[in-house]
Amino acid sequence: MQSVAVIGLGNISHRHRKNLKALKPDARVIAMPASNRQLTTLPAHADVCVTQLNELIELRPEYVIVASPANLHTSHGKSLLEAGIPCLIEKPLGASLDQAQELLR
């Protein structure tokens, strides 16, 4: 079974989870809030929810969509890429050009 993850719980991440489920109904969708807050319910269109990036990395999803707030894009993307997990990062890649270039190194 394919396993994919979406970081963030806003409107865009909700759309990503919904579209993933529509395209691949049997895929396991992992949700992660952008902050370390605890959730009382499982987000819509998610099968699993984790609260820490290291937990998400341990689950080894095939890829991750980073839809967290822009100031977290670089740190989330860098951690995922260093772990060998492909990711799609919502724009902008970082809060500054220097942060965006960090992902290319």
C-alpha atoms as a PDB file:
ATOM      1  CA  MET A   1       0.000   0.000   0.000  1.00  0.00           C
ATOM      2  CA  GLN A   2       1.304   3.415  -0.932  1.00  0.00           C
ATOM      3  CA  SER A   3       1.948   5.746   1.982  1.00  0.00           C
ATOM      4  CA  VAL A   4       2.034   9.519   1.525  1.00  0.00           C
ATOM      5  CA  ALA A   5       2.146  12.374   4.008  1.00  0.00           C
ATOM      6  CA  VAL A   6       0.957  15.958   4.167  1.00  0.00           C
ATOM      7  CA  ILE A   7       2.448  18.429   6.635  1.00  0.00           C
ATOM      8  CA  GLY A   8       0.036  21.156   7.697  1.00  0.00           C
ATOM      9  CA  LEU A   9      -3.613  21.285   8.689  1.00  0.00           C
ATOM     10  CA  GLY A  10      -4.804  24.367   6.795  1.00  0.00           C
ATOM     11  CA  ASN A  11      -7.066  24.644   3.764  1.00  0.00           C
ATOM     12  CA  ILE A  12      -4.362  23.759   1.236  1.00  0.00           C
ATOM     13  CA  SER A  13      -3.227  20.659   3.129  1.00  0.00           C
ATOM     14  CA  HIS A  14      -6.876  19.594   3.473  1.00  0.00           C
ATOM     15  CA  ARG A  15      -7.223  19.823  -0.318  1.00  0.00           C
ATOM     16  CA  HIS A  16      -4.041  17.804  -0.815  1.00  0.00           C
ATOM     17  CA  ARG A  17      -5.295  15.032   1.498  1.00  0.00           C
ATOM     18  CA  LYS A  18      -8.720  15.026  -0.159  1.00  0.00           C
ATOM     19  CA  ASN A  19      -7.204  14.843  -3.659  1.00  0.00           C
ATOM     20  CA  LEU A  20      -4.771  12.095  -2.653  1.00  0.00           C
ATOM     21  CA  LYS A  21      -7.668   9.996  -1.343  1.00  0.00           C
ATOM     22  CA  ALA A  22      -9.694  10.660  -4.508  1.00  0.00           C
ATOM     23  CA  LEU A  23      -6.809   9.653  -6.782  1.00  0.00           C
ATOM     24  CA  LYS A  24      -5.574   6.712  -4.701  1.00  0.00           C
ATOM     25  CA  PRO A  25      -8.355   5.518  -2.371  1.00  0.00           C
ATOM     26  CA  ASP A  26      -6.185   2.693  -1.023  1.00  0.00           C
ATOM     27  CA  ALA A  27      -3.236   4.964  -0.175  1.00  0.00           C
ATOM     28  CA  ARG A  28      -2.425   5.495   3.486  1.00  0.00           C
ATOM     29  CA  VAL A  29      -2.436   9.251   4.065  1.00  0.00           C
ATOM     30  CA  ILE A  30      -0.402  10.499   7.021  1.00  0.00           C
ATOM     31  CA  ALA A  31      -1.200  13.949   8.423  1.00  0.00           C
ATOM     32  CA  MET A  32       1.099  16.076  10.552  1.00  0.00           C
ATOM     33  CA  PRO A  33       0.286  19.500  11.998  1.00  0.00           C
ATOM     34  CA  ALA A  34       2.874  22.181  11.284  1.00  0.00           C
ATOM     35  CA  SER A  35       3.287  22.831  15.008  1.00  0.00           C
ATOM     36  CA  ASN A  36       3.707  20.277  17.779  1.00  0.00           C
ATOM     37  CA  ARG A  37       0.143  20.712  19.004  1.00  0.00           C
ATOM     38  CA  GLN A  38      -1.847  17.673  20.038  1.00  0.00           C
ATOM     39  CA  LEU A  39      -4.931  16.852  18.021  1.00  0.00           C
ATOM     40  CA  THR A  40      -8.180  15.633  19.507  1.00  0.00           C
ATOM     41  CA  THR A  41      -9.517  14.224  16.238  1.00  0.00           C
ATOM     42  CA  LEU A  42      -8.016  12.731  13.114  1.00  0.00           C
ATOM     43  CA  PRO A  43      -7.965  15.309  10.296  1.00  0.00           C
ATOM     44  CA  ALA A  44     -10.334  14.701   7.381  1.00  0.00           C
ATOM     45  CA  HIS A  45      -9.005  12.402   4.633  1.00  0.00           C
ATOM     46  CA  ALA A  46      -6.168  11.126   6.837  1.00  0.00           C
ATOM     47  CA  ASP A  47      -5.566   7.574   8.026  1.00  0.00           C
ATOM     48  CA  VAL A  48      -2.786   8.306  10.500  1.00  0.00           C
ATOM     49  CA  CYS A  49      -1.686  11.436  12.333  1.00  0.00           C
ATOM     50  CA  VAL A  50       1.706  12.133  13.873  1.00  0.00           C
ATOM     51  CA  THR A  51       2.787  15.261  15.709  1.00  0.00           C
ATOM     52  CA  GLN A  52       6.569  15.183  15.259  1.00  0.00           C
ATOM     53  CA  LEU A  53       8.627  15.260  12.068  1.00  0.00           C
ATOM     54  CA  ASN A  54      10.866  12.441  13.304  1.00  0.00           C
ATOM     55  CA  GLU A  55       7.759  10.239  13.736  1.00  0.00           C
ATOM     56  CA  LEU A  56       6.739  10.995  10.172  1.00  0.00           C
ATOM     57  CA  ILE A  57      10.232  10.174   8.876  1.00  0.00           C
ATOM     58  CA  GLU A  58      10.194   6.849  10.776  1.00  0.00           C
ATOM     59  CA  LEU A  59       7.018   5.883   8.877  1.00  0.00           C
ATOM     60  CA  ARG A  60       8.991   6.228   5.595  1.00  0.00           C
ATOM     61  CA  PRO A  61       6.236   7.608   3.339  1.00  0.00           C
ATOM     62  CA  GLU A  62       6.930   7.413  -0.387  1.00  0.00           C
ATOM     63  CA  TYR A  63       6.734  11.192  -0.551  1.00  0.00           C
ATOM     64  CA  VAL A  64       5.590  14.181   1.509  1.00  0.00           C
ATOM     65  CA  ILE A  65       3.705  17.328   0.556  1.00  0.00           C
ATOM     66  CA  VAL A  66       4.924  20.236   2.687  1.00  0.00           C
ATOM     67  CA  ALA A  67       1.998  22.636   3.151  1.00  0.00           C
ATOM     68  CA  SER A  68       3.094  24.104   6.464  1.00  0.00           C
ATOM     69  CA  PRO A  69       3.482  27.867   7.027  1.00  0.00           C
ATOM     70  CA  ALA A  70       6.134  29.364   4.717  1.00  0.00           C
ATOM     71  CA  ASN A  71       8.624  29.984   7.537  1.00  0.00           C
ATOM     72  CA  LEU A  72       8.780  26.199   8.126  1.00  0.00           C
ATOM     73  CA  HIS A  73       9.131  25.082   4.499  1.00  0.00           C
ATOM     74  CA  THR A  74      12.938  25.081   4.507  1.00  0.00           C
ATOM     75  CA  SER A  75      13.396  23.190   7.776  1.00  0.00           C
ATOM     76  CA  HIS A  76      10.741  20.598   6.934  1.00  0.00           C
ATOM     77  CA  GLY A  77      12.036  20.149   3.389  1.00  0.00           C
ATOM     78  CA  LYS A  78      15.672  19.904   4.461  1.00  0.00           C
ATOM     79  CA  SER A  79      14.925  17.263   7.113  1.00  0.00           C
ATOM     80  CA  LEU A  80      12.910  15.183   4.645  1.00  0.00           C
ATOM     81  CA  LEU A  81      15.521  15.404   1.893  1.00  0.00           C
ATOM     82  CA  GLU A  82      18.317  14.500   4.326  1.00  0.00           C
ATOM     83  CA  ALA A  83      16.265  11.419   5.277  1.00  0.00           C
ATOM     84  CA  GLY A  84      15.995  10.485   1.593  1.00  0.00           C
ATOM     85  CA  ILE A  85      12.261  11.184   1.348  1.00  0.00           C
ATOM     86  CA  PRO A  86      11.103  13.044  -1.774  1.00  0.00           C
ATOM     87  CA  CYS A  87       8.933  16.061  -1.099  1.00  0.00           C
ATOM     88  CA  LEU A  88       6.824  18.637  -2.861  1.00  0.00           C
ATOM     89  CA  ILE A  89       7.114  21.975  -1.095  1.00  0.00           C
ATOM     90  CA  GLU A  90       4.402  24.587  -1.476  1.00  0.00           C
ATOM     91  CA  LYS A  91       5.650  27.999  -2.526  1.00  0.00           C
ATOM     92  CA  PRO A  92       7.682  29.776  -1.386  1.00  0.00           C
ATOM     93  CA  LEU A  93      10.523  27.346  -0.756  1.00  0.00           C
ATOM     94  CA  GLY A  94      11.696  29.511   2.120  1.00  0.00           C
ATOM     95  CA  ALA A  95      11.200  32.826   3.852  1.00  0.00           C
ATOM     96  CA  SER A  96      14.263  34.200   2.032  1.00  0.00           C
ATOM     97  CA  LEU A  97      16.402  33.434  -0.998  1.00  0.00           C
ATOM     98  CA  ASP A  98      19.144  32.110   1.303  1.00  0.00           C
ATOM     99  CA  GLN A  99      16.702  29.651   2.897  1.00  0.00           C
ATOM    100  CA  ALA A 100      15.459  28.480  -0.487  1.00  0.00           C
ATOM    101  CA  GLN A 101      19.039  27.937  -1.667  1.00  0.00           C
ATOM    102  CA  GLU A 102      19.701  25.774   1.416  1.00  0.00           C
ATOM    103  CA  LEU A 103      17.432  23.138  -0.120  1.00  0.00           C
ATOM    104  CA  LEU A 104      19.620  22.993  -3.220  1.00  0.00           C
ATOM    105  CA  ARG A 105      22.802  22.221  -1.309  1.00  0.00           C
END
